[in-house]
């Protein structure tokens, strides 16, 4: 997710935005039959790498992410 937040944005707002984005990625994956591990991985580097992988897979299927 490449969202930018205003200076001083709360951590809760950032976490909520990431969770909402992950939920949208999961919906797209389900619709296109793309496997993902987004909700299996804890927040952190591994989940961020999985987001990037999923985004690339979705682009390969023709979605603009």
Protein backbone atom coordinates (compact mmCIF):
# COMPACT_ATOMS: atom_id res chain seq x y z
CA UNK A 1 0.00 0.00 0.00
CA UNK A 2 1.42 3.32 -0.99
CA UNK A 3 -0.77 5.59 1.11
CA UNK A 4 0.62 8.74 2.57
CA UNK A 5 -0.64 10.15 5.81
CA UNK A 6 -0.57 13.66 7.18
CA UNK A 7 2.13 14.34 9.73
CA UNK A 8 1.03 13.17 13.15
CA UNK A 9 -1.42 10.56 11.85
CA UNK A 10 -2.13 8.01 14.54
CA UNK A 11 -0.79 4.49 14.43
CA UNK A 12 -4.37 3.23 14.62
CA UNK A 13 -5.27 5.10 11.43
CA UNK A 14 -2.26 3.60 9.63
CA UNK A 15 -2.99 0.09 10.88
CA UNK A 16 -6.64 0.42 9.88
CA UNK A 17 -5.68 1.56 6.39
CA UNK A 18 -3.31 -1.42 5.98
CA UNK A 19 -5.98 -3.84 7.18
CA UNK A 20 -8.56 -2.38 4.80
CA UNK A 21 -6.08 -2.59 1.91
CA UNK A 22 -5.25 -6.19 2.77
CA UNK A 23 -8.98 -7.02 2.82
CA UNK A 24 -9.35 -5.56 -0.70
CA UNK A 25 -6.34 -7.55 -1.90
CA UNK A 26 -7.87 -10.71 -0.45
CA UNK A 27 -11.18 -10.00 -2.26
CA UNK A 28 -9.33 -9.55 -5.54
CA UNK A 29 -7.33 -12.73 -4.95
CA UNK A 30 -10.50 -14.68 -4.21
CA UNK A 31 -12.18 -13.38 -7.36
CA UNK A 32 -9.21 -14.29 -9.55
CA UNK A 33 -8.13 -17.49 -7.82
CA UNK A 34 -4.79 -16.05 -6.68
CA UNK A 35 -3.32 -17.68 -3.60
CA UNK A 36 -2.20 -15.43 -0.78
CA UNK A 37 -0.96 -15.62 2.80
CA UNK A 38 -1.86 -12.10 3.86
CA UNK A 39 -3.87 -13.01 6.94
CA UNK A 40 -1.54 -15.84 7.92
CA UNK A 41 1.47 -13.56 8.35
CA UNK A 42 1.94 -11.14 11.23
CA UNK A 43 2.39 -7.44 10.54
CA UNK A 44 5.94 -6.71 9.53
CA UNK A 45 8.40 -7.35 6.75
CA UNK A 46 7.04 -10.78 5.77
CA UNK A 47 3.53 -9.44 5.30
CA UNK A 48 4.83 -6.43 3.36
CA UNK A 49 6.72 -8.78 1.02
CA UNK A 50 3.55 -10.83 0.59
CA UNK A 51 1.61 -7.64 -0.26
CA UNK A 52 4.14 -6.85 -2.97
CA UNK A 53 3.96 -10.40 -4.33
CA UNK A 54 0.16 -10.35 -4.35
CA UNK A 55 0.09 -6.94 -6.05
CA UNK A 56 2.38 -8.28 -8.79
CA UNK A 57 0.20 -11.38 -9.27
CA UNK A 58 -2.91 -9.22 -9.54
CA UNK A 59 -1.19 -6.98 -12.10
CA UNK A 60 -0.33 -10.12 -14.07
CA UNK A 61 -4.05 -10.94 -14.10
CA UNK A 62 -4.80 -7.49 -15.53
CA UNK A 63 -5.74 -5.50 -12.43
CA UNK A 64 -4.37 -2.05 -11.86
CA UNK A 65 -3.13 -2.04 -8.28
